[in-house]
Amino acid sequence: MTEADQHPPTARSVALAVGAAGLWGLGLVLVKLGLRDVPPLTFAASRYVLGALTLVMFRALRNRKGAVLGGVIRNRSVIALGALLYAAVPAAQFIAIDRIEAGTFNFVFQSGIPLILAFTAGFVLRERTSAREWFGVAFVVMGVYAFYPSVPSGPELAGALLALAAATGIGVSNLIQRRVMRTAGTSSLDVTLVSMVIGAFLLTVIALAAEGTPRLTASSIMLVIFLGVVTTALAFTMWHEAMRGLKALHAGIIASGQIFEVPILAAVILGETFTYRQWVGSVVVLVGILIVQASRQSQRTTALPTTLAGPARAQ
């Protein structure tokens, strides 16, 4: 068993995880705010380039061995993780957020992840989806129906489909991460650093090809710096540090709190509104997510543990 499984979560680990999840939720709302002035791909690329540079400097200050990093760079799964988690997923996320409200995007994104994991875990990791997990998935589906009683159309449909595509990317990247982290001696910091550098480079190339040379205002530059340093590099570092003292179930519950955090922040910062049906749908989806999380945690106690707990987030 891992250290996190043997001991109860410490106040420090819980605080770090709550802080990281809170920063991710704030980051999503600020992305919506920044998209008023900056094209989506340029915005995404700027954020992750700055986040990658921050992690490079952080690793250099810790004087970690370059030979270990070289082994991570040669890992094809890490390369695939970078292309997916830090290039394809942010591109889909930022374009989706540009088309629909932040609260709506967050709902589709959060509810899509357990659905994708339930359908893909058996193919990638040969993990059977239990009856209790399918029960949780059914709650998620009911919550989505409550949120969307009719099929959206136009820009909202395009945004919802892109949010679902981003959730698919997150679900698959979670599975790739777990495979990578099963290798003995693998550092979560090095995996995050290498994959983010790869993804940031690819995303920059795509942004330049699609949107041309960026023109950022002073306020946009300050926002990109905050998103890159605080809600990306710092938040991911806090999350990985928290995982040393948290079970996957606890981490998943904390991360799932964003389903309520984002609409509240969006209402305060952006003036967005959430209807009664949307709040009900969010509650039902959260119940489904917690059922799935609890089921997967109970399975891990009887199987080989992984060294990376909790869901990946690229927000």
C-alpha atoms as a PDB file:
ATOM      1  CA  MET A   1       0.000   0.000   0.000  1.00  0.00           C
ATOM      2  CA  THR A   2       1.077   3.588  -0.528  1.00  0.00           C
ATOM      3  CA  GLU A   3       1.867   5.967   2.293  1.00  0.00           C
ATOM      4  CA  ALA A   4      -1.369   7.809   1.614  1.00  0.00           C
ATOM      5  CA  ASP A   5      -3.344   4.594   2.007  1.00  0.00           C
ATOM      6  CA  GLN A   6      -1.687   3.676   5.316  1.00  0.00           C
ATOM      7  CA  HIS A   7      -2.248   6.966   7.160  1.00  0.00           C
ATOM      8  CA  PRO A   8      -5.162   9.396   7.442  1.00  0.00           C
ATOM      9  CA  PRO A   9      -4.872  12.568   5.362  1.00  0.00           C
ATOM     10  CA  THR A  10      -2.946  15.360   7.059  1.00  0.00           C
ATOM     11  CA  ALA A  11      -4.287  18.886   7.368  1.00  0.00           C
ATOM     12  CA  ARG A  12      -1.415  20.053   5.161  1.00  0.00           C
ATOM     13  CA  SER A  13      -2.279  17.608   2.363  1.00  0.00           C
ATOM     14  CA  VAL A  14      -5.959  18.530   2.484  1.00  0.00           C
ATOM     15  CA  ALA A  15      -5.127  22.244   2.473  1.00  0.00           C
ATOM     16  CA  LEU A  16      -2.795  21.855  -0.509  1.00  0.00           C
ATOM     17  CA  ALA A  17      -5.379  19.857  -2.478  1.00  0.00           C
ATOM     18  CA  VAL A  18      -8.188  22.293  -1.682  1.00  0.00           C
ATOM     19  CA  GLY A  19      -5.923  25.183  -2.635  1.00  0.00           C
ATOM     20  CA  ALA A  20      -4.946  23.576  -5.944  1.00  0.00           C
ATOM     21  CA  ALA A  21      -8.545  22.749  -6.854  1.00  0.00           C
ATOM     22  CA  GLY A  22      -9.590  26.268  -5.897  1.00  0.00           C
ATOM     23  CA  LEU A  23      -6.903  27.776  -8.115  1.00  0.00           C
ATOM     24  CA  TRP A  24      -8.010  25.588 -11.041  1.00  0.00           C
ATOM     25  CA  GLY A  25     -11.602  26.746 -10.629  1.00  0.00           C
ATOM     26  CA  LEU A  26     -10.520  30.383 -10.416  1.00  0.00           C
ATOM     27  CA  GLY A  27      -8.306  29.868 -13.450  1.00  0.00           C
ATOM     28  CA  LEU A  28     -11.226  28.625 -15.536  1.00  0.00           C
ATOM     29  CA  VAL A  29     -13.276  31.729 -14.754  1.00  0.00           C
ATOM     30  CA  LEU A  30     -10.315  34.029 -15.443  1.00  0.00           C
ATOM     31  CA  VAL A  31      -9.771  32.283 -18.784  1.00  0.00           C
ATOM     32  CA  LYS A  32     -13.319  33.249 -19.763  1.00  0.00           C
ATOM     33  CA  LEU A  33     -12.527  36.821 -18.731  1.00  0.00           C
ATOM     34  CA  GLY A  34      -9.275  36.918 -20.719  1.00  0.00           C
ATOM     35  CA  LEU A  35     -10.857  35.494 -23.864  1.00  0.00           C
ATOM     36  CA  ARG A  36     -12.617  38.812 -24.359  1.00  0.00           C
ATOM     37  CA  ASP A  37      -9.276  40.245 -25.560  1.00  0.00           C
ATOM     38  CA  VAL A  38      -7.071  37.276 -26.559  1.00  0.00           C
ATOM     39  CA  PRO A  39      -7.772  34.525 -29.152  1.00  0.00           C
ATOM     40  CA  PRO A  40      -8.297  31.105 -27.495  1.00  0.00           C
ATOM     41  CA  LEU A  41      -5.316  29.181 -28.913  1.00  0.00           C
ATOM     42  CA  THR A  42      -2.922  32.074 -28.305  1.00  0.00           C
ATOM     43  CA  PHE A  43      -4.225  32.404 -24.755  1.00  0.00           C
ATOM     44  CA  ALA A  44      -3.841  28.676 -24.083  1.00  0.00           C
ATOM     45  CA  ALA A  45      -0.329  28.543 -25.555  1.00  0.00           C
ATOM     46  CA  SER A  46       0.825  31.602 -23.574  1.00  0.00           C
ATOM     47  CA  ARG A  47      -0.449  30.117 -20.338  1.00  0.00           C
ATOM     48  CA  TYR A  48       1.226  26.735 -20.755  1.00  0.00           C
ATOM     49  CA  VAL A  49       4.506  28.126 -22.087  1.00  0.00           C
ATOM     50  CA  LEU A  50       4.783  30.264 -18.966  1.00  0.00           C
ATOM     51  CA  GLY A  51       3.723  27.341 -16.780  1.00  0.00           C
ATOM     52  CA  ALA A  52       6.372  25.102 -18.348  1.00  0.00           C
ATOM     53  CA  LEU A  53       9.103  27.733 -17.907  1.00  0.00           C
ATOM     54  CA  THR A  54       8.134  28.114 -14.255  1.00  0.00           C
ATOM     55  CA  LEU A  55       8.433  24.354 -13.693  1.00  0.00           C
ATOM     56  CA  VAL A  56      11.827  24.314 -15.459  1.00  0.00           C
ATOM     57  CA  MET A  57      13.120  26.967 -13.059  1.00  0.00           C
ATOM     58  CA  PHE A  58      11.571  25.187 -10.083  1.00  0.00           C
ATOM     59  CA  ARG A  59      13.268  21.920 -11.022  1.00  0.00           C
ATOM     60  CA  ALA A  60      16.605  23.669 -11.543  1.00  0.00           C
ATOM     61  CA  LEU A  61      16.395  25.152  -8.050  1.00  0.00           C
ATOM     62  CA  ARG A  62      15.825  21.670  -6.638  1.00  0.00           C
ATOM     63  CA  ASN A  63      19.012  20.436  -8.401  1.00  0.00           C
ATOM     64  CA  ARG A  64      17.417  17.254  -9.686  1.00  0.00           C
ATOM     65  CA  LYS A  65      19.583  14.960 -11.824  1.00  0.00           C
ATOM     66  CA  GLY A  66      19.437  15.453 -15.581  1.00  0.00           C
ATOM     67  CA  ALA A  67      19.929  11.737 -16.249  1.00  0.00           C
ATOM     68  CA  VAL A  68      16.611  10.966 -14.583  1.00  0.00           C
ATOM     69  CA  LEU A  69      14.890  13.630 -16.688  1.00  0.00           C
ATOM     70  CA  GLY A  70      16.406  12.123 -19.842  1.00  0.00           C
ATOM     71  CA  GLY A  71      14.731   8.816 -19.066  1.00  0.00           C
ATOM     72  CA  VAL A  72      11.371  10.547 -18.767  1.00  0.00           C
ATOM     73  CA  ILE A  73      11.882  12.390 -22.076  1.00  0.00           C
ATOM     74  CA  ARG A  74      12.479   9.093 -23.898  1.00  0.00           C
ATOM     75  CA  ASN A  75       9.256   7.607 -22.541  1.00  0.00           C
ATOM     76  CA  ARG A  76       6.757   7.543 -25.417  1.00  0.00           C
ATOM     77  CA  SER A  77       3.820   7.556 -23.020  1.00  0.00           C
ATOM     78  CA  VAL A  78       5.069  10.846 -21.534  1.00  0.00           C
ATOM     79  CA  ILE A  79       5.305  12.332 -25.039  1.00  0.00           C
ATOM     80  CA  ALA A  80       1.742  11.198 -25.756  1.00  0.00           C
ATOM     81  CA  LEU A  81       0.653  12.636 -22.411  1.00  0.00           C
ATOM     82  CA  GLY A  82       2.132  16.029 -23.296  1.00  0.00           C
ATOM     83  CA  ALA A  83       0.485  16.127 -26.717  1.00  0.00           C
ATOM     84  CA  LEU A  84      -2.869  15.193 -25.210  1.00  0.00           C
ATOM     85  CA  LEU A  85      -3.028  16.828 -21.768  1.00  0.00           C
ATOM     86  CA  TYR A  86      -1.160  20.056 -22.509  1.00  0.00           C
ATOM     87  CA  ALA A  87      -1.916  20.633 -26.202  1.00  0.00           C
ATOM     88  CA  ALA A  88      -5.121  18.971 -27.427  1.00  0.00           C
ATOM     89  CA  VAL A  89      -7.076  19.328 -24.178  1.00  0.00           C
ATOM     90  CA  PRO A  90      -6.264  23.044 -23.575  1.00  0.00           C
ATOM     91  CA  ALA A  91      -7.071  23.835 -27.208  1.00  0.00           C
ATOM     92  CA  ALA A  92     -10.499  22.222 -26.863  1.00  0.00           C
ATOM     93  CA  GLN A  93     -11.049  23.807 -23.444  1.00  0.00           C
ATOM     94  CA  PHE A  94     -10.219  27.374 -24.428  1.00  0.00           C
ATOM     95  CA  ILE A  95     -12.235  27.254 -27.661  1.00  0.00           C
ATOM     96  CA  ALA A  96     -15.189  25.766 -25.749  1.00  0.00           C
ATOM     97  CA  ILE A  97     -14.998  28.382 -22.978  1.00  0.00           C
ATOM     98  CA  ASP A  98     -14.951  31.054 -25.691  1.00  0.00           C
ATOM     99  CA  ARG A  99     -18.317  29.752 -26.971  1.00  0.00           C
ATOM    100  CA  ILE A 100     -20.299  28.914 -23.821  1.00  0.00           C
ATOM    101  CA  GLU A 101     -20.572  30.170 -20.251  1.00  0.00           C
ATOM    102  CA  ALA A 102     -17.869  29.087 -17.815  1.00  0.00           C
ATOM    103  CA  GLY A 103     -20.376  27.337 -15.530  1.00  0.00           C
ATOM    104  CA  THR A 104     -21.886  25.370 -18.416  1.00  0.00           C
ATOM    105  CA  PHE A 105     -18.471  24.346 -19.706  1.00  0.00           C
ATOM    106  CA  ASN A 106     -17.411  23.207 -16.238  1.00  0.00           C
ATOM    107  CA  PHE A 107     -20.562  21.097 -15.818  1.00  0.00           C
ATOM    108  CA  VAL A 108     -20.117  19.257 -19.122  1.00  0.00           C
ATOM    109  CA  PHE A 109     -16.392  18.852 -18.492  1.00  0.00           C
ATOM    110  CA  GLN A 110     -16.767  17.513 -14.934  1.00  0.00           C
ATOM    111  CA  SER A 111     -19.615  15.138 -15.787  1.00  0.00           C
ATOM    112  CA  GLY A 112     -17.847  13.808 -18.871  1.00  0.00           C
ATOM    113  CA  ILE A 113     -14.713  12.567 -17.060  1.00  0.00           C
ATOM    114  CA  PRO A 114     -16.317   9.685 -15.064  1.00  0.00           C
ATOM    115  CA  LEU A 115     -18.226   8.594 -18.161  1.00  0.00           C
ATOM    116  CA  ILE A 116     -15.031   8.389 -20.203  1.00  0.00           C
ATOM    117  CA  LEU A 117     -13.141   6.580 -17.434  1.00  0.00           C
ATOM    118  CA  ALA A 118     -15.915   4.026 -17.040  1.00  0.00           C
ATOM    119  CA  PHE A 119     -15.884   3.195 -20.741  1.00  0.00           C
ATOM    120  CA  THR A 120     -12.104   3.248 -21.334  1.00  0.00           C
ATOM    121  CA  ALA A 121     -10.453   1.865 -18.183  1.00  0.00           C
ATOM    122  CA  GLY A 122     -11.084  -1.718 -19.239  1.00  0.00           C
ATOM    123  CA  PHE A 123      -9.394  -1.217 -22.607  1.00  0.00           C
ATOM    124  CA  VAL A 124      -6.330   0.694 -21.391  1.00  0.00           C
ATOM    125  CA  LEU A 125      -5.634  -0.699 -17.917  1.00  0.00           C
ATOM    126  CA  ARG A 126      -7.735  -3.894 -18.062  1.00  0.00           C
ATOM    127  CA  GLU A 127      -9.710  -2.716 -15.050  1.00  0.00           C
ATOM    128  CA  ARG A 128     -13.287  -3.972 -14.892  1.00  0.00           C
ATOM    129  CA  THR A 129     -15.963  -1.324 -14.392  1.00  0.00           C
ATOM    130  CA  SER A 130     -17.983  -2.549 -11.400  1.00  0.00           C
ATOM    131  CA  ALA A 131     -21.764  -2.520 -10.996  1.00  0.00           C
ATOM    132  CA  ARG A 132     -21.451   0.242  -8.395  1.00  0.00           C
ATOM    133  CA  GLU A 133     -19.460   2.360 -10.848  1.00  0.00           C
ATOM    134  CA  TRP A 134     -22.142   1.917 -13.504  1.00  0.00           C
ATOM    135  CA  PHE A 135     -24.686   2.954 -10.846  1.00  0.00           C
ATOM    136  CA  GLY A 136     -22.690   6.150 -10.338  1.00  0.00           C
ATOM    137  CA  VAL A 137     -22.494   6.677 -14.093  1.00  0.00           C
ATOM    138  CA  ALA A 138     -26.296   6.406 -14.234  1.00  0.00           C
ATOM    139  CA  PHE A 139     -26.515   9.272 -11.720  1.00  0.00           C
ATOM    140  CA  VAL A 140     -24.198  11.329 -13.912  1.00  0.00           C
ATOM    141  CA  VAL A 141     -26.414  10.697 -16.945  1.00  0.00           C
ATOM    142  CA  MET A 142     -29.528  11.714 -14.973  1.00  0.00           C
ATOM    143  CA  GLY A 143     -27.771  14.875 -13.840  1.00  0.00           C
ATOM    144  CA  VAL A 144     -26.846  15.758 -17.405  1.00  0.00           C
ATOM    145  CA  TYR A 145     -30.478  15.276 -18.459  1.00  0.00           C
ATOM    146  CA  ALA A 146     -31.635  17.572 -15.637  1.00  0.00           C
ATOM    147  CA  PHE A 147     -29.104  20.186 -16.752  1.00  0.00           C
ATOM    148  CA  TYR A 148     -29.934  19.781 -20.461  1.00  0.00           C
ATOM    149  CA  PRO A 149     -33.631  18.767 -20.766  1.00  0.00           C
ATOM    150  CA  SER A 150     -33.367  19.488 -24.498  1.00  0.00           C
ATOM    151  CA  VAL A 151     -30.439  19.108 -26.866  1.00  0.00           C
ATOM    152  CA  PRO A 152     -28.472  22.395 -27.121  1.00  0.00           C
ATOM    153  CA  SER A 153     -27.979  23.958 -30.529  1.00  0.00           C
ATOM    154  CA  GLY A 154     -25.720  26.412 -32.318  1.00  0.00           C
ATOM    155  CA  PRO A 155     -22.679  27.768 -30.454  1.00  0.00           C
ATOM    156  CA  GLU A 156     -23.813  26.107 -27.207  1.00  0.00           C
ATOM    157  CA  LEU A 157     -23.849  22.680 -28.874  1.00  0.00           C
ATOM    158  CA  ALA A 158     -20.396  23.275 -30.378  1.00  0.00           C
ATOM    159  CA  GLY A 159     -19.065  24.416 -27.010  1.00  0.00           C
ATOM    160  CA  ALA A 160     -20.608  21.446 -25.187  1.00  0.00           C
ATOM    161  CA  LEU A 161     -19.119  18.988 -27.692  1.00  0.00           C
ATOM    162  CA  LEU A 162     -15.689  20.598 -27.315  1.00  0.00           C
ATOM    163  CA  ALA A 163     -16.030  20.419 -23.517  1.00  0.00           C
ATOM    164  CA  LEU A 164     -16.883  16.724 -23.847  1.00  0.00           C
ATOM    165  CA  ALA A 165     -13.862  16.261 -26.119  1.00  0.00           C
ATOM    166  CA  ALA A 166     -11.690  17.926 -23.463  1.00  0.00           C
ATOM    167  CA  ALA A 167     -13.170  15.610 -20.821  1.00  0.00           C
ATOM    168  CA  THR A 168     -12.349  12.655 -23.059  1.00  0.00           C
ATOM    169  CA  GLY A 169      -8.766  13.880 -23.290  1.00  0.00           C
ATOM    170  CA  ILE A 170      -8.570  14.231 -19.503  1.00  0.00           C
ATOM    171  CA  GLY A 171     -10.009  10.755 -18.985  1.00  0.00           C
ATOM    172  CA  VAL A 172      -7.517   9.169 -21.363  1.00  0.00           C
ATOM    173  CA  SER A 173      -4.627  11.215 -19.943  1.00  0.00           C
ATOM    174  CA  ASN A 174      -5.522   9.988 -16.438  1.00  0.00           C
ATOM    175  CA  LEU A 175      -5.103   6.428 -17.681  1.00  0.00           C
ATOM    176  CA  ILE A 176      -1.796   7.264 -19.409  1.00  0.00           C
ATOM    177  CA  GLN A 177      -0.540   8.973 -16.238  1.00  0.00           C
ATOM    178  CA  ARG A 178      -1.345   5.937 -14.142  1.00  0.00           C
ATOM    179  CA  ARG A 179       0.534   3.720 -16.580  1.00  0.00           C
ATOM    180  CA  VAL A 180       3.563   6.053 -16.538  1.00  0.00           C
ATOM    181  CA  MET A 181       3.603   6.398 -12.753  1.00  0.00           C
ATOM    182  CA  ARG A 182       3.605   2.621 -12.269  1.00  0.00           C
ATOM    183  CA  THR A 183       7.261   2.672 -13.350  1.00  0.00           C
ATOM    184  CA  ALA A 184       9.437   2.497 -10.247  1.00  0.00           C
ATOM    185  CA  GLY A 185      11.337   5.689  -9.405  1.00  0.00           C
ATOM    186  CA  THR A 186       9.278   7.920 -11.688  1.00  0.00           C
ATOM    187  CA  SER A 187       8.960  11.491 -10.400  1.00  0.00           C
ATOM    188  CA  SER A 188       5.581  13.182 -10.768  1.00  0.00           C
ATOM    189  CA  LEU A 189       7.370  16.550 -11.077  1.00  0.00           C
ATOM    190  CA  ASP A 190       9.536  15.314 -13.953  1.00  0.00           C
ATOM    191  CA  VAL A 191       6.554  13.767 -15.737  1.00  0.00           C
ATOM    192  CA  THR A 192       4.574  16.993 -15.346  1.00  0.00           C
ATOM    193  CA  LEU A 193       7.530  19.116 -16.492  1.00  0.00           C
ATOM    194  CA  VAL A 194       8.417  17.101 -19.599  1.00  0.00           C
ATOM    195  CA  SER A 195       4.827  16.579 -20.704  1.00  0.00           C
ATOM    196  CA  MET A 196       3.984  20.273 -20.185  1.00  0.00           C
ATOM    197  CA  VAL A 197       7.036  21.421 -22.181  1.00  0.00           C
ATOM    198  CA  ILE A 198       6.069  19.110 -25.056  1.00  0.00           C
ATOM    199  CA  GLY A 199       2.442  20.206 -24.986  1.00  0.00           C
ATOM    200  CA  ALA A 200       3.285  23.910 -24.708  1.00  0.00           C
ATOM    201  CA  PHE A 201       5.583  23.688 -27.742  1.00  0.00           C
ATOM    202  CA  LEU A 202       2.954  21.915 -29.857  1.00  0.00           C
ATOM    203  CA  LEU A 203       0.230  24.319 -28.758  1.00  0.00           C
ATOM    204  CA  THR A 204       2.413  27.324 -29.614  1.00  0.00           C
ATOM    205  CA  VAL A 205       3.028  26.013 -33.129  1.00  0.00           C
ATOM    206  CA  ILE A 206      -0.704  25.435 -33.634  1.00  0.00           C
ATOM    207  CA  ALA A 207      -1.604  28.881 -32.258  1.00  0.00           C
ATOM    208  CA  LEU A 208       0.899  30.680 -34.499  1.00  0.00           C
ATOM    209  CA  ALA A 209      -0.344  28.785 -37.549  1.00  0.00           C
ATOM    210  CA  ALA A 210      -4.030  29.400 -36.806  1.00  0.00           C
ATOM    211  CA  GLU A 211      -4.064  32.864 -35.220  1.00  0.00           C
ATOM    212  CA  GLY A 212      -0.776  34.507 -36.197  1.00  0.00           C
ATOM    213  CA  THR A 213       1.545  36.577 -34.017  1.00  0.00           C
ATOM    214  CA  PRO A 214      -0.168  37.439 -30.719  1.00  0.00           C
ATOM    215  CA  ARG A 215      -0.874  41.018 -29.668  1.00  0.00           C
ATOM    216  CA  LEU A 216      -1.312  41.171 -25.919  1.00  0.00           C
ATOM    217  CA  THR A 217      -2.330  44.196 -23.877  1.00  0.00           C
ATOM    218  CA  ALA A 218      -0.758  44.955 -20.492  1.00  0.00           C
ATOM    219  CA  SER A 219      -3.800  43.554 -18.666  1.00  0.00           C
ATOM    220  CA  SER A 220      -3.733  40.415 -20.820  1.00  0.00           C
ATOM    221  CA  ILE A 221      -0.042  39.890 -20.067  1.00  0.00           C
ATOM    222  CA  MET A 222      -0.678  40.197 -16.321  1.00  0.00           C
ATOM    223  CA  LEU A 223      -3.548  37.718 -16.573  1.00  0.00           C
ATOM    224  CA  VAL A 224      -1.421  35.239 -18.541  1.00  0.00           C
ATOM    225  CA  ILE A 225       1.359  35.537 -15.939  1.00  0.00           C
ATOM    226  CA  PHE A 226      -1.090  34.834 -13.117  1.00  0.00           C
ATOM    227  CA  LEU A 227      -2.642  31.875 -14.944  1.00  0.00           C
ATOM    228  CA  GLY A 228       0.716  30.435 -15.986  1.00  0.00           C
ATOM    229  CA  VAL A 229       2.536  30.806 -12.667  1.00  0.00           C
ATOM    230  CA  VAL A 230      -0.230  30.532 -10.065  1.00  0.00           C
ATOM    231  CA  THR A 231      -3.104  28.474 -11.513  1.00  0.00           C
ATOM    232  CA  THR A 232      -0.878  26.215 -13.629  1.00  0.00           C
ATOM    233  CA  ALA A 233       2.657  25.681 -12.285  1.00  0.00           C
ATOM    234  CA  LEU A 234       1.906  26.383  -8.610  1.00  0.00           C
ATOM    235  CA  ALA A 235      -1.451  24.576  -8.638  1.00  0.00           C
ATOM    236  CA  PHE A 236      -0.044  21.413 -10.251  1.00  0.00           C
ATOM    237  CA  THR A 237       2.923  21.426  -7.845  1.00  0.00           C
ATOM    238  CA  MET A 238       0.578  21.810  -4.866  1.00  0.00           C
ATOM    239  CA  TRP A 239      -1.626  18.999  -6.174  1.00  0.00           C
ATOM    240  CA  HIS A 240       1.221  16.532  -6.663  1.00  0.00           C
ATOM    241  CA  GLU A 241       2.622  17.375  -3.216  1.00  0.00           C
ATOM    242  CA  ALA A 242      -0.819  16.845  -1.676  1.00  0.00           C
ATOM    243  CA  MET A 243      -1.028  13.391  -3.262  1.00  0.00           C
ATOM    244  CA  ARG A 244       1.725  12.195  -0.905  1.00  0.00           C
ATOM    245  CA  GLY A 245      -0.751  12.307   1.970  1.00  0.00           C
ATOM    246  CA  LEU A 246      -4.162  11.815   0.335  1.00  0.00           C
ATOM    247  CA  LYS A 247      -6.040   8.763  -0.852  1.00  0.00           C
ATOM    248  CA  ALA A 248      -7.389   8.850  -4.404  1.00  0.00           C
ATOM    249  CA  LEU A 249     -10.938   9.019  -3.012  1.00  0.00           C
ATOM    250  CA  HIS A 250     -10.200  12.122  -0.943  1.00  0.00           C
ATOM    251  CA  ALA A 251      -8.407  13.768  -3.867  1.00  0.00           C
ATOM    252  CA  GLY A 252     -11.310  13.024  -6.195  1.00  0.00           C
ATOM    253  CA  ILE A 253     -13.862  14.455  -3.767  1.00  0.00           C
ATOM    254  CA  ILE A 254     -11.848  17.657  -3.351  1.00  0.00           C
ATOM    255  CA  ALA A 255     -11.386  18.089  -7.108  1.00  0.00           C
ATOM    256  CA  SER A 256     -15.091  17.425  -7.742  1.00  0.00           C
ATOM    257  CA  GLY A 257     -15.981  20.438  -5.618  1.00  0.00           C
ATOM    258  CA  GLN A 258     -15.223  22.578  -8.667  1.00  0.00           C
ATOM    259  CA  ILE A 259     -18.651  21.657 -10.017  1.00  0.00           C
ATOM    260  CA  PHE A 260     -20.052  24.161  -7.471  1.00  0.00           C
ATOM    261  CA  GLU A 261     -17.056  26.472  -7.136  1.00  0.00           C
ATOM    262  CA  VAL A 262     -16.937  27.531 -10.786  1.00  0.00           C
ATOM    263  CA  PRO A 263     -20.598  28.646 -11.138  1.00  0.00           C
ATOM    264  CA  ILE A 264     -20.300  30.668  -7.916  1.00  0.00           C
ATOM    265  CA  LEU A 265     -17.092  32.373  -9.082  1.00  0.00           C
ATOM    266  CA  ALA A 266     -18.582  32.885 -12.555  1.00  0.00           C
ATOM    267  CA  ALA A 267     -21.596  34.608 -11.002  1.00  0.00           C
ATOM    268  CA  VAL A 268     -19.389  36.913  -8.921  1.00  0.00           C
ATOM    269  CA  ILE A 269     -16.724  37.707 -11.541  1.00  0.00           C
ATOM    270  CA  LEU A 270     -18.562  37.318 -14.865  1.00  0.00           C
ATOM    271  CA  GLY A 271     -22.187  37.930 -13.899  1.00  0.00           C
ATOM    272  CA  GLU A 272     -23.307  34.496 -15.141  1.00  0.00           C
ATOM    273  CA  THR A 273     -26.491  32.911 -13.776  1.00  0.00           C
ATOM    274  CA  PHE A 274     -27.304  29.279 -12.954  1.00  0.00           C
ATOM    275  CA  THR A 275     -30.929  28.063 -13.112  1.00  0.00           C
ATOM    276  CA  TYR A 276     -32.628  25.824 -10.551  1.00  0.00           C
ATOM    277  CA  ARG A 277     -32.492  22.858 -12.958  1.00  0.00           C
ATOM    278  CA  GLN A 278     -28.782  23.420 -13.499  1.00  0.00           C
ATOM    279  CA  TRP A 279     -28.096  23.386  -9.750  1.00  0.00           C
ATOM    280  CA  VAL A 280     -30.154  20.195  -9.362  1.00  0.00           C
ATOM    281  CA  GLY A 281     -28.290  18.598 -12.265  1.00  0.00           C
ATOM    282  CA  SER A 282     -24.971  19.564 -10.703  1.00  0.00           C
ATOM    283  CA  VAL A 283     -25.931  17.972  -7.363  1.00  0.00           C
ATOM    284  CA  VAL A 284     -27.013  14.724  -9.054  1.00  0.00           C
ATOM    285  CA  VAL A 285     -23.823  14.612 -11.129  1.00  0.00           C
ATOM    286  CA  LEU A 286     -21.700  15.186  -8.019  1.00  0.00           C
ATOM    287  CA  VAL A 287     -23.426  12.245  -6.292  1.00  0.00           C
ATOM    288  CA  GLY A 288     -22.633  10.076  -9.311  1.00  0.00           C
ATOM    289  CA  ILE A 289     -19.003  11.206  -9.362  1.00  0.00           C
ATOM    290  CA  LEU A 290     -18.601  10.410  -5.652  1.00  0.00           C
ATOM    291  CA  ILE A 291     -20.107   6.937  -6.136  1.00  0.00           C
ATOM    292  CA  VAL A 292     -17.645   6.243  -8.954  1.00  0.00           C
ATOM    293  CA  GLN A 293     -14.734   7.603  -6.898  1.00  0.00           C
ATOM    294  CA  ALA A 294     -15.669   5.488  -3.856  1.00  0.00           C
ATOM    295  CA  SER A 295     -15.990   2.367  -5.987  1.00  0.00           C
ATOM    296  CA  ARG A 296     -12.632   2.860  -7.680  1.00  0.00           C
ATOM    297  CA  GLN A 297     -10.957   3.483  -4.316  1.00  0.00           C
ATOM    298  CA  SER A 298     -12.356   0.230  -2.907  1.00  0.00           C
ATOM    299  CA  GLN A 299     -10.987  -1.613  -5.950  1.00  0.00           C
ATOM    300  CA  ARG A 300      -7.514  -0.101  -5.424  1.00  0.00           C
ATOM    301  CA  THR A 301      -7.344  -1.475  -1.875  1.00  0.00           C
ATOM    302  CA  THR A 302      -7.395  -5.001  -3.314  1.00  0.00           C
ATOM    303  CA  ALA A 303      -5.177  -4.299  -6.338  1.00  0.00           C
ATOM    304  CA  LEU A 304      -1.688  -2.936  -6.979  1.00  0.00           C
ATOM    305  CA  PRO A 305      -1.643   0.718  -5.874  1.00  0.00           C
ATOM    306  CA  THR A 306      -0.586   3.517  -8.178  1.00  0.00           C
ATOM    307  CA  THR A 307       1.765   6.314  -7.160  1.00  0.00           C
ATOM    308  CA  LEU A 308      -0.330   9.085  -8.655  1.00  0.00           C
ATOM    309  CA  ALA A 309      -3.694   9.615  -7.040  1.00  0.00           C
ATOM    310  CA  GLY A 310      -6.538  11.775  -8.129  1.00  0.00           C
ATOM    311  CA  PRO A 311      -7.683  13.144 -11.450  1.00  0.00           C
ATOM    312  CA  ALA A 312      -5.597  15.202 -13.793  1.00  0.00           C
ATOM    313  CA  ARG A 313      -6.852  18.651 -14.572  1.00  0.00           C
ATOM    314  CA  ALA A 314      -5.785  20.961 -17.372  1.00  0.00           C
ATOM    315  CA  GLN A 315      -7.655  24.098 -16.546  1.00  0.00           C
END
